[in-house]
Each structure stands twice: as structure tokens, then as C-alpha cells.
Amino acid sequence: MTTVPSPCINWCDMNPENGYCRGCYRTLTEIADWSELSNAEKLKVWSQLENRKPQAAQ
């Protein structure tokens, strides 16, 4: 079974205003837990990232 890839782009900078990484748009909890998440949980995170981009791009 293939694992869902991480959205990490190696630009780790947390936005203190909304709690999202400016590189991958995940929260610290999502980043820390990534390796333990199921593929379904990872896909759920991925589905939320596009909506976070306008909020995180500051």
C-alpha cells in the first residue's frame, strides 16, 4: 500500500496569527502527528490545505 506523501516543502515558518505553516499550511499538531496518521486522515488534511492558503499567505 502506498503512503500519502507529506505536503512539506522544507520551508517551515509558523504564522502566529493563524497557526499554519507558511510552507505546507498544516498546523503544528498535523506536522507532528503526520507519521502516525492513517492514509484517510492524511487525505483529509490534504483536502483542507487549499482552503488554508489564502489565510496563511501573509
PDB file of N, CA and C in Angstrom:
ATOM      1  N   MET A   1       0.844  -1.187   0.000  1.00  0.00           N
ATOM      2  CA  MET A   1       0.000   0.000   0.000  1.00  0.00           C
ATOM      3  C   MET A   1       0.885   1.244   0.000  1.00  0.00           C
ATOM      4  N   THR A   2       0.574   2.192  -0.844  1.00  0.00           N
ATOM      5  CA  THR A   2       1.329   3.430  -0.935  1.00  0.00           C
ATOM      6  C   THR A   2       0.879   4.399   0.149  1.00  0.00           C
ATOM      7  N   THR A   3       1.850   5.082   0.735  1.00  0.00           N
ATOM      8  CA  THR A   3       1.558   6.061   1.769  1.00  0.00           C
ATOM      9  C   THR A   3       1.325   7.427   1.137  1.00  0.00           C
ATOM     10  N   VAL A   4       0.369   8.157   1.656  1.00  0.00           N
ATOM     11  CA  VAL A   4       0.098   9.513   1.183  1.00  0.00           C
ATOM     12  C   VAL A   4       1.308  10.386   1.516  1.00  0.00           C
ATOM     13  N   PRO A   5       1.860  11.115   0.532  1.00  0.00           N
ATOM     14  CA  PRO A   5       3.055  11.917   0.785  1.00  0.00           C
ATOM     15  C   PRO A   5       2.768  13.135   1.647  1.00  0.00           C
ATOM     16  N   SER A   6       3.789  13.597   2.305  1.00  0.00           N
ATOM     17  CA  SER A   6       3.693  14.802   3.112  1.00  0.00           C
ATOM     18  C   SER A   6       3.645  16.029   2.208  1.00  0.00           C
ATOM     19  N   PRO A   7       2.891  17.057   2.591  1.00  0.00           N
ATOM     20  CA  PRO A   7       2.875  18.296   1.819  1.00  0.00           C
ATOM     21  C   PRO A   7       4.071  19.206   2.131  1.00  0.00           C
ATOM     22  N   CYS A   8       4.977  18.765   2.968  1.00  0.00           N
ATOM     23  CA  CYS A   8       6.121  19.569   3.381  1.00  0.00           C
ATOM     24  C   CYS A   8       6.969  19.966   2.171  1.00  0.00           C
ATOM     25  N   ILE A   9       7.348  21.260   2.110  1.00  0.00           N
ATOM     26  CA  ILE A   9       8.232  21.747   1.060  1.00  0.00           C
ATOM     27  C   ILE A   9       9.548  22.262   1.655  1.00  0.00           C
ATOM     28  N   ASN A  10       9.817  21.886   2.888  1.00  0.00           N
ATOM     29  CA  ASN A  10      11.044  22.278   3.601  1.00  0.00           C
ATOM     30  C   ASN A  10      11.173  23.781   3.781  1.00  0.00           C
ATOM     31  N   TRP A  11      10.071  24.450   3.968  1.00  0.00           N
ATOM     32  CA  TRP A  11      10.050  25.865   4.339  1.00  0.00           C
ATOM     33  C   TRP A  11       9.153  25.971   5.566  1.00  0.00           C
ATOM     34  N   CYS A  12       9.741  25.764   6.718  1.00  0.00           N
ATOM     35  CA  CYS A  12       8.990  25.710   7.973  1.00  0.00           C
ATOM     36  C   CYS A  12       8.996  27.076   8.636  1.00  0.00           C
ATOM     37  N   ASP A  13       7.838  27.712   8.637  1.00  0.00           N
ATOM     38  CA  ASP A  13       7.676  29.034   9.239  1.00  0.00           C
ATOM     39  C   ASP A  13       6.226  29.143   9.690  1.00  0.00           C
ATOM     40  N   MET A  14       6.011  29.069  10.987  1.00  0.00           N
ATOM     41  CA  MET A  14       4.652  29.097  11.511  1.00  0.00           C
ATOM     42  C   MET A  14       4.121  30.522  11.571  1.00  0.00           C
ATOM     43  N   ASN A  15       2.926  30.715  11.048  1.00  0.00           N
ATOM     44  CA  ASN A  15       2.261  32.007  11.099  1.00  0.00           C
ATOM     45  C   ASN A  15       1.573  32.111  12.457  1.00  0.00           C
ATOM     46  N   PRO A  16       2.020  33.033  13.322  1.00  0.00           N
ATOM     47  CA  PRO A  16       1.430  33.121  14.668  1.00  0.00           C
ATOM     48  C   PRO A  16      -0.020  33.598  14.661  1.00  0.00           C
ATOM     49  N   GLU A  17      -0.458  34.207  13.579  1.00  0.00           N
ATOM     50  CA  GLU A  17      -1.830  34.724  13.516  1.00  0.00           C
ATOM     51  C   GLU A  17      -2.863  33.630  13.309  1.00  0.00           C
ATOM     52  N   ASN A  18      -2.498  32.566  12.585  1.00  0.00           N
ATOM     53  CA  ASN A  18      -3.490  31.515  12.334  1.00  0.00           C
ATOM     54  C   ASN A  18      -2.991  30.111  12.684  1.00  0.00           C
ATOM     55  N   GLY A  19      -1.712  29.973  13.038  1.00  0.00           N
ATOM     56  CA  GLY A  19      -1.188  28.677  13.461  1.00  0.00           C
ATOM     57  C   GLY A  19      -0.831  27.726  12.333  1.00  0.00           C
ATOM     58  N   TYR A  20      -0.820  28.209  11.081  1.00  0.00           N
ATOM     59  CA  TYR A  20      -0.476  27.367   9.941  1.00  0.00           C
ATOM     60  C   TYR A  20       0.959  27.621   9.505  1.00  0.00           C
ATOM     61  N   CYS A  21       1.612  26.563   9.056  1.00  0.00           N
ATOM     62  CA  CYS A  21       2.937  26.696   8.468  1.00  0.00           C
ATOM     63  C   CYS A  21       2.796  27.435   7.136  1.00  0.00           C
ATOM     64  N   ARG A  22       3.662  28.400   6.902  1.00  0.00           N
ATOM     65  CA  ARG A  22       3.594  29.152   5.646  1.00  0.00           C
ATOM     66  C   ARG A  22       4.098  28.325   4.459  1.00  0.00           C
ATOM     67  N   GLY A  23       4.744  27.213   4.714  1.00  0.00           N
ATOM     68  CA  GLY A  23       5.229  26.352   3.636  1.00  0.00           C
ATOM     69  C   GLY A  23       4.217  25.311   3.212  1.00  0.00           C
ATOM     70  N   CYS A  24       3.643  24.590   4.184  1.00  0.00           N
ATOM     71  CA  CYS A  24       2.741  23.481   3.842  1.00  0.00           C
ATOM     72  C   CYS A  24       1.306  23.689   4.315  1.00  0.00           C
ATOM     73  N   TYR A  25       1.061  24.729   5.116  1.00  0.00           N
ATOM     74  CA  TYR A  25      -0.275  25.092   5.590  1.00  0.00           C
ATOM     75  C   TYR A  25      -0.876  24.105   6.575  1.00  0.00           C
ATOM     76  N   ARG A  26      -0.010  23.290   7.205  1.00  0.00           N
ATOM     77  CA  ARG A  26      -0.501  22.412   8.269  1.00  0.00           C
ATOM     78  C   ARG A  26      -0.291  23.074   9.621  1.00  0.00           C
ATOM     79  N   THR A  27      -1.014  22.576  10.622  1.00  0.00           N
ATOM     80  CA  THR A  27      -0.803  23.018  11.997  1.00  0.00           C
ATOM     81  C   THR A  27       0.374  22.246  12.596  1.00  0.00           C
ATOM     82  N   LEU A  28       0.884  22.723  13.720  1.00  0.00           N
ATOM     83  CA  LEU A  28       1.967  22.006  14.392  1.00  0.00           C
ATOM     84  C   LEU A  28       1.544  20.587  14.760  1.00  0.00           C
ATOM     85  N   THR A  29       0.315  20.421  15.194  1.00  0.00           N
ATOM     86  CA  THR A  29      -0.183  19.093  15.553  1.00  0.00           C
ATOM     87  C   THR A  29      -0.210  18.176  14.333  1.00  0.00           C
ATOM     88  N   GLU A  30      -0.691  18.685  13.202  1.00  0.00           N
ATOM     89  CA  GLU A  30      -0.729  17.874  11.985  1.00  0.00           C
ATOM     90  C   GLU A  30       0.680  17.491  11.538  1.00  0.00           C
ATOM     91  N   ILE A  31       1.621  18.412  11.658  1.00  0.00           N
ATOM     92  CA  ILE A  31       3.011  18.136  11.287  1.00  0.00           C
ATOM     93  C   ILE A  31       3.595  17.071  12.210  1.00  0.00           C
ATOM     94  N   ALA A  32       3.407  17.244  13.513  1.00  0.00           N
ATOM     95  CA  ALA A  32       3.968  16.319  14.499  1.00  0.00           C
ATOM     96  C   ALA A  32       3.358  14.924  14.394  1.00  0.00           C
ATOM     97  N   ASP A  33       2.086  14.853  14.077  1.00  0.00           N
ATOM     98  CA  ASP A  33       1.367  13.569  14.039  1.00  0.00           C
ATOM     99  C   ASP A  33       1.396  12.888  12.675  1.00  0.00           C
ATOM    100  N   TRP A  34       1.947  13.545  11.663  1.00  0.00           N
ATOM    101  CA  TRP A  34       1.842  13.055  10.280  1.00  0.00           C
ATOM    102  C   TRP A  34       2.212  11.588  10.131  1.00  0.00           C
ATOM    103  N   SER A  35       3.323  11.185  10.704  1.00  0.00           N
ATOM    104  CA  SER A  35       3.783   9.798  10.519  1.00  0.00           C
ATOM    105  C   SER A  35       2.860   8.778  11.185  1.00  0.00           C
ATOM    106  N   GLU A  36       2.037   9.210  12.098  1.00  0.00           N
ATOM    107  CA  GLU A  36       1.114   8.308  12.795  1.00  0.00           C
ATOM    108  C   GLU A  36      -0.287   8.304  12.187  1.00  0.00           C
ATOM    109  N   LEU A  37      -0.571   9.230  11.282  1.00  0.00           N
ATOM    110  CA  LEU A  37      -1.910   9.321  10.698  1.00  0.00           C
ATOM    111  C   LEU A  37      -2.128   8.209   9.678  1.00  0.00           C
ATOM    112  N   SER A  38      -3.368   7.784   9.564  1.00  0.00           N
ATOM    113  CA  SER A  38      -3.730   6.813   8.523  1.00  0.00           C
ATOM    114  C   SER A  38      -3.770   7.546   7.182  1.00  0.00           C
ATOM    115  N   ASN A  39      -3.778   6.802   6.095  1.00  0.00           N
ATOM    116  CA  ASN A  39      -3.882   7.434   4.785  1.00  0.00           C
ATOM    117  C   ASN A  39      -5.163   8.259   4.673  1.00  0.00           C
ATOM    118  N   ALA A  40      -6.258   7.780   5.227  1.00  0.00           N
ATOM    119  CA  ALA A  40      -7.520   8.526   5.187  1.00  0.00           C
ATOM    120  C   ALA A  40      -7.380   9.853   5.937  1.00  0.00           C
ATOM    121  N   GLU A  41      -6.715   9.830   7.078  1.00  0.00           N
ATOM    122  CA  GLU A  41      -6.507  11.058   7.850  1.00  0.00           C
ATOM    123  C   GLU A  41      -5.592  12.027   7.106  1.00  0.00           C
ATOM    124  N   LYS A  42      -4.559  11.496   6.450  1.00  0.00           N
ATOM    125  CA  LYS A  42      -3.655  12.343   5.668  1.00  0.00           C
ATOM    126  C   LYS A  42      -4.397  12.988   4.501  1.00  0.00           C
ATOM    127  N   LEU A  43      -5.244  12.228   3.839  1.00  0.00           N
ATOM    128  CA  LEU A  43      -6.018  12.777   2.737  1.00  0.00           C
ATOM    129  C   LEU A  43      -6.978  13.861   3.219  1.00  0.00           C
ATOM    130  N   LYS A  44      -7.506  13.702   4.420  1.00  0.00           N
ATOM    131  CA  LYS A  44      -8.383  14.732   4.989  1.00  0.00           C
ATOM    132  C   LYS A  44      -7.597  16.023   5.208  1.00  0.00           C
ATOM    133  N   VAL A  45      -6.379  15.915   5.739  1.00  0.00           N
ATOM    134  CA  VAL A  45      -5.529  17.101   5.919  1.00  0.00           C
ATOM    135  C   VAL A  45      -5.259  17.742   4.566  1.00  0.00           C
ATOM    136  N   TRP A  46      -4.859  16.931   3.582  1.00  0.00           N
ATOM    137  CA  TRP A  46      -4.585  17.450   2.238  1.00  0.00           C
ATOM    138  C   TRP A  46      -5.787  18.221   1.697  1.00  0.00           C
ATOM    139  N   SER A  47      -6.989  17.716   1.936  1.00  0.00           N
ATOM    140  CA  SER A  47      -8.194  18.363   1.403  1.00  0.00           C
ATOM    141  C   SER A  47      -8.439  19.731   2.024  1.00  0.00           C
ATOM    142  N   GLN A  48      -7.866  19.994   3.179  1.00  0.00           N
ATOM    143  CA  GLN A  48      -8.057  21.269   3.869  1.00  0.00           C
ATOM    144  C   GLN A  48      -6.999  22.308   3.501  1.00  0.00           C
ATOM    145  N   LEU A  49      -5.890  21.872   2.932  1.00  0.00           N
ATOM    146  CA  LEU A  49      -4.760  22.774   2.701  1.00  0.00           C
ATOM    147  C   LEU A  49      -5.068  23.896   1.722  1.00  0.00           C
ATOM    148  N   GLU A  50      -5.747  23.607   0.637  1.00  0.00           N
ATOM    149  CA  GLU A  50      -6.039  24.640  -0.360  1.00  0.00           C
ATOM    150  C   GLU A  50      -6.866  25.773   0.249  1.00  0.00           C
ATOM    151  N   ASN A  51      -7.794  25.436   1.125  1.00  0.00           N
ATOM    152  CA  ASN A  51      -8.613  26.461   1.774  1.00  0.00           C
ATOM    153  C   ASN A  51      -7.815  27.298   2.762  1.00  0.00           C
ATOM    154  N   ARG A  52      -6.732  26.780   3.252  1.00  0.00           N
ATOM    155  CA  ARG A  52      -5.910  27.497   4.226  1.00  0.00           C
ATOM    156  C   ARG A  52      -4.936  28.464   3.567  1.00  0.00           C
ATOM    157  N   LYS A  53      -4.588  28.233   2.312  1.00  0.00           N
ATOM    158  CA  LYS A  53      -3.570  29.058   1.656  1.00  0.00           C
ATOM    159  C   LYS A  53      -3.864  30.556   1.702  1.00  0.00           C
ATOM    160  N   PRO A  54      -5.042  31.024   1.317  1.00  0.00           N
ATOM    161  CA  PRO A  54      -5.274  32.464   1.380  1.00  0.00           C
ATOM    162  C   PRO A  54      -5.162  33.022   2.793  1.00  0.00           C
ATOM    163  N   GLN A  55      -5.526  32.220   3.787  1.00  0.00           N
ATOM    164  CA  GLN A  55      -5.450  32.649   5.172  1.00  0.00           C
ATOM    165  C   GLN A  55      -4.009  32.704   5.650  1.00  0.00           C
ATOM    166  N   ALA A  56      -3.171  31.811   5.143  1.00  0.00           N
ATOM    167  CA  ALA A  56      -1.799  31.707   5.622  1.00  0.00           C
ATOM    168  C   ALA A  56      -0.821  32.600   4.870  1.00  0.00           C
ATOM    169  N   ALA A  57      -1.191  33.046   3.674  1.00  0.00           N
ATOM    170  CA  ALA A  57      -0.267  33.832   2.858  1.00  0.00           C
ATOM    171  C   ALA A  57      -0.237  35.270   3.332  1.00  0.00           C
ATOM    172  N   GLN A  58       0.620  35.505   4.330  1.00  0.00           N
ATOM    173  CA  GLN A  58       0.734  36.856   4.901  1.00  0.00           C
ATOM    174  C   GLN A  58       2.174  37.225   5.061  1.00  0.00           C
TER     175      GLN A  58
END
